[in-house]
Amino acid sequence: MPQEPLSIEDLARQDGKRVLRLKGPLVISNLFDFQSRVRSSTSQALILDLTDVPYVDSAAIGALVGAHISHQKGGRALMLVGVCERVHHALQITNVESLFVFYPSIDAADHGHV
């Protein structure tokens, strides 16, 4: 089974927020770039647009939890946007769903509308 690639569009913005728009599955074989970008983010709010992420594996869930913890410790926000039912379910069954704030769109995240 060929591995689907993950592409990450990095949208640094003037309002103190940064958007990482992911396309493709987030899995152990492609986590390095994702983790590197999350760790390098110094913005007050990091929005992870997962609209085009069809699934995640346990390593990716661990990376998302790590991102949450590092942002929380730094007094910064981490927001998940466009999470599909399959990814949401994976976060539920691993008991980490409550760590995250979910938004249906980037616009909703910008305005704090869950």
PDB file of N, CA and C in Angstrom:
ATOM      1  N   MET A   1       0.845  -1.186   0.000  1.00  0.00           N
ATOM      2  CA  MET A   1       0.000   0.000   0.000  1.00  0.00           C
ATOM      3  C   MET A   1       0.884   1.239   0.000  1.00  0.00           C
ATOM      4  N   PRO A   2       0.811   2.060  -1.033  1.00  0.00           N
ATOM      5  CA  PRO A   2       1.652   3.268  -1.085  1.00  0.00           C
ATOM      6  C   PRO A   2       1.211   4.293  -0.052  1.00  0.00           C
ATOM      7  N   GLN A   3       2.192   4.954   0.518  1.00  0.00           N
ATOM      8  CA  GLN A   3       1.918   5.977   1.530  1.00  0.00           C
ATOM      9  C   GLN A   3       1.474   7.268   0.876  1.00  0.00           C
ATOM     10  N   GLU A   4       0.316   7.761   1.312  1.00  0.00           N
ATOM     11  CA  GLU A   4      -0.140   9.050   0.801  1.00  0.00           C
ATOM     12  C   GLU A   4       0.714  10.148   1.415  1.00  0.00           C
ATOM     13  N   PRO A   5       1.106  11.136   0.617  1.00  0.00           N
ATOM     14  CA  PRO A   5       1.949  12.206   1.157  1.00  0.00           C
ATOM     15  C   PRO A   5       1.152  13.199   1.996  1.00  0.00           C
ATOM     16  N   LEU A   6       1.859  13.898   2.858  1.00  0.00           N
ATOM     17  CA  LEU A   6       1.288  14.990   3.642  1.00  0.00           C
ATOM     18  C   LEU A   6       1.928  16.274   3.147  1.00  0.00           C
ATOM     19  N   SER A   7       1.102  17.247   2.824  1.00  0.00           N
ATOM     20  CA  SER A   7       1.649  18.564   2.495  1.00  0.00           C
ATOM     21  C   SER A   7       1.184  19.540   3.566  1.00  0.00           C
ATOM     22  N   ILE A   8       2.042  20.492   3.869  1.00  0.00           N
ATOM     23  CA  ILE A   8       1.742  21.484   4.900  1.00  0.00           C
ATOM     24  C   ILE A   8       1.947  22.863   4.311  1.00  0.00           C
ATOM     25  N   GLU A   9       0.880  23.633   4.325  1.00  0.00           N
ATOM     26  CA  GLU A   9       0.953  25.028   3.886  1.00  0.00           C
ATOM     27  C   GLU A   9       1.044  25.872   5.148  1.00  0.00           C
ATOM     28  N   ASP A  10       2.083  26.660   5.252  1.00  0.00           N
ATOM     29  CA  ASP A  10       2.352  27.477   6.438  1.00  0.00           C
ATOM     30  C   ASP A  10       1.933  28.910   6.153  1.00  0.00           C
ATOM     31  N   LEU A  11       0.897  29.369   6.845  1.00  0.00           N
ATOM     32  CA  LEU A  11       0.352  30.702   6.597  1.00  0.00           C
ATOM     33  C   LEU A  11       0.578  31.584   7.823  1.00  0.00           C
ATOM     34  N   ALA A  12       1.719  32.233   7.871  1.00  0.00           N
ATOM     35  CA  ALA A  12       1.992  33.180   8.957  1.00  0.00           C
ATOM     36  C   ALA A  12       1.166  34.425   8.688  1.00  0.00           C
ATOM     37  N   ARG A  13       0.535  34.952   9.717  1.00  0.00           N
ATOM     38  CA  ARG A  13      -0.348  36.101   9.533  1.00  0.00           C
ATOM     39  C   ARG A  13       0.101  37.265  10.404  1.00  0.00           C
ATOM     40  N   GLN A  14      -0.426  38.428  10.094  1.00  0.00           N
ATOM     41  CA  GLN A  14      -0.057  39.655  10.805  1.00  0.00           C
ATOM     42  C   GLN A  14      -0.758  39.795  12.152  1.00  0.00           C
ATOM     43  N   ASP A  15      -1.805  39.022  12.392  1.00  0.00           N
ATOM     44  CA  ASP A  15      -2.608  39.195  13.610  1.00  0.00           C
ATOM     45  C   ASP A  15      -2.115  38.368  14.798  1.00  0.00           C
ATOM     46  N   GLY A  16      -0.892  37.849  14.722  1.00  0.00           N
ATOM     47  CA  GLY A  16      -0.354  37.063  15.830  1.00  0.00           C
ATOM     48  C   GLY A  16      -0.773  35.607  15.785  1.00  0.00           C
ATOM     49  N   LYS A  17      -1.482  35.226  14.736  1.00  0.00           N
ATOM     50  CA  LYS A  17      -1.903  33.835  14.570  1.00  0.00           C
ATOM     51  C   LYS A  17      -1.138  33.224  13.402  1.00  0.00           C
ATOM     52  N   ARG A  18      -0.956  31.925  13.503  1.00  0.00           N
ATOM     53  CA  ARG A  18      -0.297  31.188  12.431  1.00  0.00           C
ATOM     54  C   ARG A  18      -1.197  30.009  12.077  1.00  0.00           C
ATOM     55  N   VAL A  19      -1.335  29.746  10.794  1.00  0.00           N
ATOM     56  CA  VAL A  19      -2.163  28.643  10.328  1.00  0.00           C
ATOM     57  C   VAL A  19      -1.273  27.620   9.634  1.00  0.00           C
ATOM     58  N   LEU A  20      -1.400  26.364  10.039  1.00  0.00           N
ATOM     59  CA  LEU A  20      -0.780  25.268   9.311  1.00  0.00           C
ATOM     60  C   LEU A  20      -1.919  24.487   8.670  1.00  0.00           C
ATOM     61  N   ARG A  21      -1.977  24.495   7.341  1.00  0.00           N
ATOM     62  CA  ARG A  21      -3.032  23.791   6.603  1.00  0.00           C
ATOM     63  C   ARG A  21      -2.452  22.474   6.113  1.00  0.00           C
ATOM     64  N   LEU A  22      -2.951  21.369   6.662  1.00  0.00           N
ATOM     65  CA  LEU A  22      -2.450  20.045   6.327  1.00  0.00           C
ATOM     66  C   LEU A  22      -3.336  19.380   5.288  1.00  0.00           C
ATOM     67  N   LYS A  23      -2.703  18.655   4.372  1.00  0.00           N
ATOM     68  CA  LYS A  23      -3.429  17.895   3.351  1.00  0.00           C
ATOM     69  C   LYS A  23      -2.814  16.514   3.264  1.00  0.00           C
ATOM     70  N   GLY A  24      -3.619  15.511   3.586  1.00  0.00           N
ATOM     71  CA  GLY A  24      -3.160  14.130   3.568  1.00  0.00           C
ATOM     72  C   GLY A  24      -3.185  13.559   4.970  1.00  0.00           C
ATOM     73  N   PRO A  25      -2.974  12.256   5.089  1.00  0.00           N
ATOM     74  CA  PRO A  25      -2.995  11.627   6.407  1.00  0.00           C
ATOM     75  C   PRO A  25      -1.798  12.064   7.249  1.00  0.00           C
ATOM     76  N   LEU A  26      -2.043  12.225   8.537  1.00  0.00           N
ATOM     77  CA  LEU A  26      -0.972  12.570   9.467  1.00  0.00           C
ATOM     78  C   LEU A  26      -0.598  11.289  10.202  1.00  0.00           C
ATOM     79  N   VAL A  27       0.554  10.725   9.829  1.00  0.00           N
ATOM     80  CA  VAL A  27       0.980   9.427  10.358  1.00  0.00           C
ATOM     81  C   VAL A  27       2.476   9.453  10.672  1.00  0.00           C
ATOM     82  N   ILE A  28       2.930   8.414  11.342  1.00  0.00           N
ATOM     83  CA  ILE A  28       4.311   8.366  11.835  1.00  0.00           C
ATOM     84  C   ILE A  28       5.342   8.632  10.737  1.00  0.00           C
ATOM     85  N   SER A  29       5.089   8.172   9.521  1.00  0.00           N
ATOM     86  CA  SER A  29       6.089   8.317   8.450  1.00  0.00           C
ATOM     87  C   SER A  29       6.238   9.746   7.946  1.00  0.00           C
ATOM     88  N   ASN A  30       5.317  10.646   8.318  1.00  0.00           N
ATOM     89  CA  ASN A  30       5.437  12.025   7.835  1.00  0.00           C
ATOM     90  C   ASN A  30       5.318  13.069   8.952  1.00  0.00           C
ATOM     91  N   LEU A  31       5.566  12.656  10.180  1.00  0.00           N
ATOM     92  CA  LEU A  31       5.413  13.556  11.323  1.00  0.00           C
ATOM     93  C   LEU A  31       6.538  14.575  11.488  1.00  0.00           C
ATOM     94  N   PHE A  32       7.725  14.273  10.964  1.00  0.00           N
ATOM     95  CA  PHE A  32       8.879  15.118  11.250  1.00  0.00           C
ATOM     96  C   PHE A  32       8.647  16.575  10.867  1.00  0.00           C
ATOM     97  N   ASP A  33       8.201  16.822   9.643  1.00  0.00           N
ATOM     98  CA  ASP A  33       7.976  18.197   9.172  1.00  0.00           C
ATOM     99  C   ASP A  33       6.899  18.877  10.018  1.00  0.00           C
ATOM    100  N   PHE A  34       5.822  18.160  10.305  1.00  0.00           N
ATOM    101  CA  PHE A  34       4.739  18.711  11.124  1.00  0.00           C
ATOM    102  C   PHE A  34       5.265  19.123  12.505  1.00  0.00           C
ATOM    103  N   GLN A  35       5.966  18.219  13.178  1.00  0.00           N
ATOM    104  CA  GLN A  35       6.480  18.522  14.517  1.00  0.00           C
ATOM    105  C   GLN A  35       7.472  19.673  14.488  1.00  0.00           C
ATOM    106  N   SER A  36       8.301  19.710  13.483  1.00  0.00           N
ATOM    107  CA  SER A  36       9.279  20.781  13.348  1.00  0.00           C
ATOM    108  C   SER A  36       8.591  22.144  13.217  1.00  0.00           C
ATOM    109  N   ARG A  37       7.559  22.209  12.414  1.00  0.00           N
ATOM    110  CA  ARG A  37       6.842  23.475  12.227  1.00  0.00           C
ATOM    111  C   ARG A  37       6.091  23.892  13.490  1.00  0.00           C
ATOM    112  N   VAL A  38       5.489  22.923  14.175  1.00  0.00           N
ATOM    113  CA  VAL A  38       4.771  23.234  15.417  1.00  0.00           C
ATOM    114  C   VAL A  38       5.751  23.754  16.466  1.00  0.00           C
ATOM    115  N   ARG A  39       6.884  23.098  16.597  1.00  0.00           N
ATOM    116  CA  ARG A  39       7.883  23.503  17.602  1.00  0.00           C
ATOM    117  C   ARG A  39       8.469  24.872  17.310  1.00  0.00           C
ATOM    118  N   SER A  40       8.568  25.219  16.028  1.00  0.00           N
ATOM    119  CA  SER A  40       9.168  26.504  15.669  1.00  0.00           C
ATOM    120  C   SER A  40       8.176  27.660  15.781  1.00  0.00           C
ATOM    121  N   SER A  41       6.919  27.357  15.987  1.00  0.00           N
ATOM    122  CA  SER A  41       5.902  28.407  16.051  1.00  0.00           C
ATOM    123  C   SER A  41       6.021  29.197  17.347  1.00  0.00           C
ATOM    124  N   THR A  42       6.106  30.515  17.210  1.00  0.00           N
ATOM    125  CA  THR A  42       6.149  31.396  18.380  1.00  0.00           C
ATOM    126  C   THR A  42       4.922  32.295  18.431  1.00  0.00           C
ATOM    127  N   SER A  43       3.970  32.043  17.541  1.00  0.00           N
ATOM    128  CA  SER A  43       2.766  32.876  17.486  1.00  0.00           C
ATOM    129  C   SER A  43       1.899  32.644  18.728  1.00  0.00           C
ATOM    130  N   GLN A  44       1.089  33.638  19.048  1.00  0.00           N
ATOM    131  CA  GLN A  44       0.191  33.541  20.208  1.00  0.00           C
ATOM    132  C   GLN A  44      -0.879  32.486  20.006  1.00  0.00           C
ATOM    133  N   ALA A  45      -1.242  32.225  18.759  1.00  0.00           N
ATOM    134  CA  ALA A  45      -2.240  31.205  18.461  1.00  0.00           C
ATOM    135  C   ALA A  45      -1.811  30.429  17.219  1.00  0.00           C
ATOM    136  N   LEU A  46      -1.874  29.114  17.326  1.00  0.00           N
ATOM    137  CA  LEU A  46      -1.578  28.245  16.193  1.00  0.00           C
ATOM    138  C   LEU A  46      -2.869  27.531  15.820  1.00  0.00           C
ATOM    139  N   ILE A  47      -3.290  27.729  14.581  1.00  0.00           N
ATOM    140  CA  ILE A  47      -4.492  27.082  14.066  1.00  0.00           C
ATOM    141  C   ILE A  47      -4.047  25.940  13.158  1.00  0.00           C
ATOM    142  N   LEU A  48      -4.446  24.726  13.511  1.00  0.00           N
ATOM    143  CA  LEU A  48      -4.137  23.573  12.679  1.00  0.00           C
ATOM    144  C   LEU A  48      -5.382  23.258  11.851  1.00  0.00           C
ATOM    145  N   ASP A  49      -5.297  23.526  10.555  1.00  0.00           N
ATOM    146  CA  ASP A  49      -6.418  23.264   9.657  1.00  0.00           C
ATOM    147  C   ASP A  49      -6.310  21.818   9.175  1.00  0.00           C
ATOM    148  N   LEU A  50      -7.173  20.962   9.723  1.00  0.00           N
ATOM    149  CA  LEU A  50      -7.148  19.537   9.418  1.00  0.00           C
ATOM    150  C   LEU A  50      -8.281  19.140   8.462  1.00  0.00           C
ATOM    151  N   THR A  51      -8.841  20.107   7.772  1.00  0.00           N
ATOM    152  CA  THR A  51      -9.967  19.859   6.868  1.00  0.00           C
ATOM    153  C   THR A  51      -9.661  18.751   5.862  1.00  0.00           C
ATOM    154  N   ASP A  52      -8.441  18.710   5.360  1.00  0.00           N
ATOM    155  CA  ASP A  52      -8.065  17.730   4.339  1.00  0.00           C
ATOM    156  C   ASP A  52      -7.196  16.602   4.897  1.00  0.00           C
ATOM    157  N   VAL A  53      -7.347  16.322   6.190  1.00  0.00           N
ATOM    158  CA  VAL A  53      -6.649  15.198   6.817  1.00  0.00           C
ATOM    159  C   VAL A  53      -7.678  14.084   7.030  1.00  0.00           C
ATOM    160  N   PRO A  54      -7.604  13.005   6.229  1.00  0.00           N
ATOM    161  CA  PRO A  54      -8.618  11.958   6.324  1.00  0.00           C
ATOM    162  C   PRO A  54      -8.480  11.055   7.545  1.00  0.00           C
ATOM    163  N   TYR A  55      -7.246  10.884   8.049  1.00  0.00           N
ATOM    164  CA  TYR A  55      -7.043  10.049   9.233  1.00  0.00           C
ATOM    165  C   TYR A  55      -5.696  10.357   9.875  1.00  0.00           C
ATOM    166  N   VAL A  56      -5.581   9.939  11.127  1.00  0.00           N
ATOM    167  CA  VAL A  56      -4.344  10.076  11.903  1.00  0.00           C
ATOM    168  C   VAL A  56      -4.056   8.730  12.555  1.00  0.00           C
ATOM    169  N   ASP A  57      -2.788   8.490  12.874  1.00  0.00           N
ATOM    170  CA  ASP A  57      -2.457   7.286  13.631  1.00  0.00           C
ATOM    171  C   ASP A  57      -2.083   7.674  15.055  1.00  0.00           C
ATOM    172  N   SER A  58      -1.713   6.698  15.856  1.00  0.00           N
ATOM    173  CA  SER A  58      -1.431   6.971  17.270  1.00  0.00           C
ATOM    174  C   SER A  58      -0.227   7.897  17.452  1.00  0.00           C
ATOM    175  N   ALA A  59       0.756   7.800  16.567  1.00  0.00           N
ATOM    176  CA  ALA A  59       1.915   8.693  16.655  1.00  0.00           C
ATOM    177  C   ALA A  59       1.489  10.142  16.405  1.00  0.00           C
ATOM    178  N   ALA A  60       0.595  10.340  15.463  1.00  0.00           N
ATOM    179  CA  ALA A  60       0.094  11.687  15.173  1.00  0.00           C
ATOM    180  C   ALA A  60      -0.715  12.228  16.344  1.00  0.00           C
ATOM    181  N   ILE A  61      -1.499  11.366  16.974  1.00  0.00           N
ATOM    182  CA  ILE A  61      -2.257  11.800  18.149  1.00  0.00           C
ATOM    183  C   ILE A  61      -1.286  12.247  19.239  1.00  0.00           C
ATOM    184  N   GLY A  62      -0.216  11.501  19.411  1.00  0.00           N
ATOM    185  CA  GLY A  62       0.812  11.889  20.375  1.00  0.00           C
ATOM    186  C   GLY A  62       1.433  13.232  20.029  1.00  0.00           C
ATOM    187  N   ALA A  63       1.662  13.478  18.748  1.00  0.00           N
ATOM    188  CA  ALA A  63       2.232  14.755  18.308  1.00  0.00           C
ATOM    189  C   ALA A  63       1.258  15.902  18.561  1.00  0.00           C
ATOM    190  N   LEU A  64      -0.037  15.657  18.344  1.00  0.00           N
ATOM    191  CA  LEU A  64      -1.051  16.685  18.617  1.00  0.00           C
ATOM    192  C   LEU A  64      -1.127  16.992  20.108  1.00  0.00           C
ATOM    193  N   VAL A  65      -1.059  15.959  20.936  1.00  0.00           N
ATOM    194  CA  VAL A  65      -1.070  16.166  22.393  1.00  0.00           C
ATOM    195  C   VAL A  65       0.178  16.945  22.802  1.00  0.00           C
ATOM    196  N   GLY A  66       1.324  16.585  22.246  1.00  0.00           N
ATOM    197  CA  GLY A  66       2.560  17.316  22.533  1.00  0.00           C
ATOM    198  C   GLY A  66       2.455  18.777  22.140  1.00  0.00           C
ATOM    199  N   ALA A  67       1.840  19.043  20.989  1.00  0.00           N
ATOM    200  CA  ALA A  67       1.641  20.428  20.546  1.00  0.00           C
ATOM    201  C   ALA A  67       0.745  21.177  21.519  1.00  0.00           C
ATOM    202  N   HIS A  68      -0.307  20.512  21.969  1.00  0.00           N
ATOM    203  CA  HIS A  68      -1.219  21.126  22.939  1.00  0.00           C
ATOM    204  C   HIS A  68      -0.464  21.493  24.223  1.00  0.00           C
ATOM    205  N   ILE A  69       0.301  20.558  24.746  1.00  0.00           N
ATOM    206  CA  ILE A  69       1.020  20.776  26.006  1.00  0.00           C
ATOM    207  C   ILE A  69       2.023  21.908  25.873  1.00  0.00           C
ATOM    208  N   SER A  70       2.799  21.922  24.796  1.00  0.00           N
ATOM    209  CA  SER A  70       3.806  22.978  24.639  1.00  0.00           C
ATOM    210  C   SER A  70       3.151  24.350  24.488  1.00  0.00           C
ATOM    211  N   HIS A  71       2.033  24.418  23.793  1.00  0.00           N
ATOM    212  CA  HIS A  71       1.350  25.697  23.652  1.00  0.00           C
ATOM    213  C   HIS A  71       0.722  26.136  24.968  1.00  0.00           C
ATOM    214  N   GLN A  72       0.136  25.205  25.681  1.00  0.00           N
ATOM    215  CA  GLN A  72      -0.484  25.534  26.965  1.00  0.00           C
ATOM    216  C   GLN A  72       0.570  26.034  27.965  1.00  0.00           C
ATOM    217  N   LYS A  73       1.695  25.356  28.027  1.00  0.00           N
ATOM    218  CA  LYS A  73       2.769  25.777  28.940  1.00  0.00           C
ATOM    219  C   LYS A  73       3.290  27.159  28.599  1.00  0.00           C
ATOM    220  N   GLY A  74       3.272  27.513  27.313  1.00  0.00           N
ATOM    221  CA  GLY A  74       3.754  28.814  26.882  1.00  0.00           C
ATOM    222  C   GLY A  74       2.679  29.890  26.913  1.00  0.00           C
ATOM    223  N   GLY A  75       1.498  29.539  27.418  1.00  0.00           N
ATOM    224  CA  GLY A  75       0.407  30.509  27.475  1.00  0.00           C
ATOM    225  C   GLY A  75      -0.144  30.879  26.109  1.00  0.00           C
ATOM    226  N   ARG A  76       0.004  29.955  25.156  1.00  0.00           N
ATOM    227  CA  ARG A  76      -0.450  30.207  23.786  1.00  0.00           C
ATOM    228  C   ARG A  76      -1.604  29.264  23.451  1.00  0.00           C
ATOM    229  N   ALA A  77      -2.357  29.623  22.436  1.00  0.00           N
ATOM    230  CA  ALA A  77      -3.529  28.834  22.057  1.00  0.00           C
ATOM    231  C   ALA A  77      -3.208  27.892  20.897  1.00  0.00           C
ATOM    232  N   LEU A  78      -3.852  26.732  20.931  1.00  0.00           N
ATOM    233  CA  LEU A  78      -3.797  25.776  19.829  1.00  0.00           C
ATOM    234  C   LEU A  78      -5.235  25.435  19.473  1.00  0.00           C
ATOM    235  N   MET A  79      -5.591  25.602  18.211  1.00  0.00           N
ATOM    236  CA  MET A  79      -6.960  25.359  17.764  1.00  0.00           C
ATOM    237  C   MET A  79      -6.958  24.371  16.610  1.00  0.00           C
ATOM    238  N   LEU A  80      -7.910  23.454  16.627  1.00  0.00           N
ATOM    239  CA  LEU A  80      -8.064  22.496  15.543  1.00  0.00           C
ATOM    240  C   LEU A  80      -9.274  22.892  14.706  1.00  0.00           C
ATOM    241  N   VAL A  81      -9.085  22.938  13.402  1.00  0.00           N
ATOM    242  CA  VAL A  81     -10.136  23.381  12.484  1.00  0.00           C
ATOM    243  C   VAL A  81     -10.454  22.268  11.491  1.00  0.00           C
ATOM    244  N   GLY A  82     -11.750  22.087  11.217  1.00  0.00           N
ATOM    245  CA  GLY A  82     -12.183  21.190  10.154  1.00  0.00           C
ATOM    246  C   GLY A  82     -11.901  19.723  10.392  1.00  0.00           C
ATOM    247  N   VAL A  83     -11.934  19.289  11.631  1.00  0.00           N
ATOM    248  CA  VAL A  83     -11.611  17.897  11.956  1.00  0.00           C
ATOM    249  C   VAL A  83     -12.742  16.977  11.475  1.00  0.00           C
ATOM    250  N   CYS A  84     -12.390  16.001  10.637  1.00  0.00           N
ATOM    251  CA  CYS A  84     -13.393  15.080  10.117  1.00  0.00           C
ATOM    252  C   CYS A  84     -13.816  14.096  11.207  1.00  0.00           C
ATOM    253  N   GLU A  85     -14.908  13.409  10.952  1.00  0.00           N
ATOM    254  CA  GLU A  85     -15.465  12.487  11.942  1.00  0.00           C
ATOM    255  C   GLU A  85     -14.475  11.382  12.320  1.00  0.00           C
ATOM    256  N   ARG A  86     -13.737  10.869  11.351  1.00  0.00           N
ATOM    257  CA  ARG A  86     -12.787   9.784  11.621  1.00  0.00           C
ATOM    258  C   ARG A  86     -11.662  10.239  12.561  1.00  0.00           C
ATOM    259  N   VAL A  87     -11.119  11.427  12.323  1.00  0.00           N
ATOM    260  CA  VAL A  87     -10.059  11.957  13.189  1.00  0.00           C
ATOM    261  C   VAL A  87     -10.634  12.292  14.563  1.00  0.00           C
ATOM    262  N   HIS A  88     -11.813  12.898  14.589  1.00  0.00           N
ATOM    263  CA  HIS A  88     -12.458  13.235  15.855  1.00  0.00           C
ATOM    264  C   HIS A  88     -12.680  11.967  16.680  1.00  0.00           C
ATOM    265  N   HIS A  89     -13.131  10.914  16.029  1.00  0.00           N
ATOM    266  CA  HIS A  89     -13.369   9.640  16.716  1.00  0.00           C
ATOM    267  C   HIS A  89     -12.058   9.080  17.293  1.00  0.00           C
ATOM    268  N   ALA A  90     -10.972   9.181  16.529  1.00  0.00           N
ATOM    269  CA  ALA A  90      -9.668   8.704  17.019  1.00  0.00           C
ATOM    270  C   ALA A  90      -9.257   9.467  18.277  1.00  0.00           C
ATOM    271  N   LEU A  91      -9.534  10.761  18.312  1.00  0.00           N
ATOM    272  CA  LEU A  91      -9.212  11.565  19.502  1.00  0.00           C
ATOM    273  C   LEU A  91     -10.128  11.189  20.671  1.00  0.00           C
ATOM    274  N   GLN A  92     -11.374  10.830  20.363  1.00  0.00           N
ATOM    275  CA  GLN A  92     -12.315  10.418  21.414  1.00  0.00           C
ATOM    276  C   GLN A  92     -11.887   9.102  22.045  1.00  0.00           C
ATOM    277  N   ILE A  93     -11.599   8.098  21.218  1.00  0.00           N
ATOM    278  CA  ILE A  93     -11.316   6.771  21.766  1.00  0.00           C
ATOM    279  C   ILE A  93      -9.973   6.707  22.486  1.00  0.00           C
ATOM    280  N   THR A  94      -9.101   7.674  22.224  1.00  0.00           N
ATOM    281  CA  THR A  94      -7.826   7.739  22.945  1.00  0.00           C
ATOM    282  C   THR A  94      -7.913   8.665  24.157  1.00  0.00           C
ATOM    283  N   ASN A  95      -9.107   9.159  24.416  1.00  0.00           N
ATOM    284  CA  ASN A  95      -9.380  10.000  25.599  1.00  0.00           C
ATOM    285  C   ASN A  95      -8.580  11.294  25.649  1.00  0.00           C
ATOM    286  N   VAL A  96      -8.312  11.882  24.490  1.00  0.00           N
ATOM    287  CA  VAL A  96      -7.604  13.163  24.470  1.00  0.00           C
ATOM    288  C   VAL A  96      -8.442  14.275  23.848  1.00  0.00           C
ATOM    289  N   GLU A  97      -9.640  13.960  23.407  1.00  0.00           N
ATOM    290  CA  GLU A  97     -10.505  14.933  22.750  1.00  0.00           C
ATOM    291  C   GLU A  97     -10.711  16.190  23.596  1.00  0.00           C
ATOM    292  N   SER A  98     -10.845  16.013  24.903  1.00  0.00           N
ATOM    293  CA  SER A  98     -11.141  17.153  25.783  1.00  0.00           C
ATOM    294  C   SER A  98      -9.986  18.154  25.882  1.00  0.00           C
ATOM    295  N   LEU A  99      -8.800  17.784  25.421  1.00  0.00           N
ATOM    296  CA  LEU A  99      -7.661  18.705  25.447  1.00  0.00           C
ATOM    297  C   LEU A  99      -7.783  19.805  24.400  1.00  0.00           C
ATOM    298  N   PHE A 100      -8.560  19.541  23.362  1.00  0.00           N
ATOM    299  CA  PHE A 100      -8.564  20.412  22.195  1.00  0.00           C
ATOM    300  C   PHE A 100      -9.827  21.247  22.072  1.00  0.00           C
ATOM    301  N   VAL A 101      -9.659  22.398  21.413  1.00  0.00           N
ATOM    302  CA  VAL A 101     -10.789  23.249  21.054  1.00  0.00           C
ATOM    303  C   VAL A 101     -10.973  23.088  19.551  1.00  0.00           C
ATOM    304  N   PHE A 102     -12.188  22.720  19.146  1.00  0.00           N
ATOM    305  CA  PHE A 102     -12.492  22.444  17.751  1.00  0.00           C
ATOM    306  C   PHE A 102     -13.325  23.574  17.147  1.00  0.00           C
ATOM    307  N   TYR A 103     -13.001  23.922  15.917  1.00  0.00           N
ATOM    308  CA  TYR A 103     -13.752  24.937  15.187  1.00  0.00           C
ATOM    309  C   TYR A 103     -14.086  24.382  13.802  1.00  0.00           C
ATOM    310  N   PRO A 104     -15.243  24.743  13.255  1.00  0.00           N
ATOM    311  CA  PRO A 104     -15.607  24.243  11.933  1.00  0.00           C
ATOM    312  C   PRO A 104     -14.821  24.889  10.787  1.00  0.00           C
ATOM    313  N   SER A 105     -14.291  26.095  11.012  1.00  0.00           N
ATOM    314  CA  SER A 105     -13.569  26.808   9.954  1.00  0.00           C
ATOM    315  C   SER A 105     -12.538  27.752  10.563  1.00  0.00           C
ATOM    316  N   ILE A 106     -11.624  28.243   9.725  1.00  0.00           N
ATOM    317  CA  ILE A 106     -10.627  29.215  10.190  1.00  0.00           C
ATOM    318  C   ILE A 106     -11.320  30.499  10.623  1.00  0.00           C
ATOM    319  N   ASP A 107     -12.332  30.913   9.889  1.00  0.00           N
ATOM    320  CA  ASP A 107     -13.075  32.115  10.254  1.00  0.00           C
ATOM    321  C   ASP A 107     -13.698  31.983  11.643  1.00  0.00           C
ATOM    322  N   ALA A 108     -14.267  30.820  11.925  1.00  0.00           N
ATOM    323  CA  ALA A 108     -14.858  30.589  13.248  1.00  0.00           C
ATOM    324  C   ALA A 108     -13.780  30.619  14.330  1.00  0.00           C
ATOM    325  N   ALA A 109     -12.613  30.050  14.041  1.00  0.00           N
ATOM    326  CA  ALA A 109     -11.505  30.072  15.015  1.00  0.00           C
ATOM    327  C   ALA A 109     -11.027  31.493  15.254  1.00  0.00           C
ATOM    328  N   ASP A 110     -10.978  32.292  14.202  1.00  0.00           N
ATOM    329  CA  ASP A 110     -10.559  33.682  14.327  1.00  0.00           C
ATOM    330  C   ASP A 110     -11.479  34.471  15.271  1.00  0.00           C
ATOM    331  N   HIS A 111     -12.745  34.115  15.265  1.00  0.00           N
ATOM    332  CA  HIS A 111     -13.729  34.849  16.050  1.00  0.00           C
ATOM    333  C   HIS A 111     -14.190  34.102  17.294  1.00  0.00           C
ATOM    334  N   GLY A 112     -13.579  32.935  17.571  1.00  0.00           N
ATOM    335  CA  GLY A 112     -13.913  32.187  18.783  1.00  0.00           C
ATOM    336  C   GLY A 112     -15.280  31.548  18.776  1.00  0.00           C
ATOM    337  N   HIS A 113     -15.815  31.253  17.598  1.00  0.00           N
ATOM    338  CA  HIS A 113     -17.135  30.617  17.495  1.00  0.00           C
ATOM    339  C   HIS A 113     -16.970  29.116  17.302  1.00  0.00           C
ATOM    340  N   VAL A 114     -17.259  28.358  18.330  1.00  0.00           N
ATOM    341  CA  VAL A 114     -17.123  26.891  18.263  1.00  0.00           C
ATOM    342  C   VAL A 114     -18.242  26.296  17.449  1.00  0.00           C
TER     343      VAL A 114
END
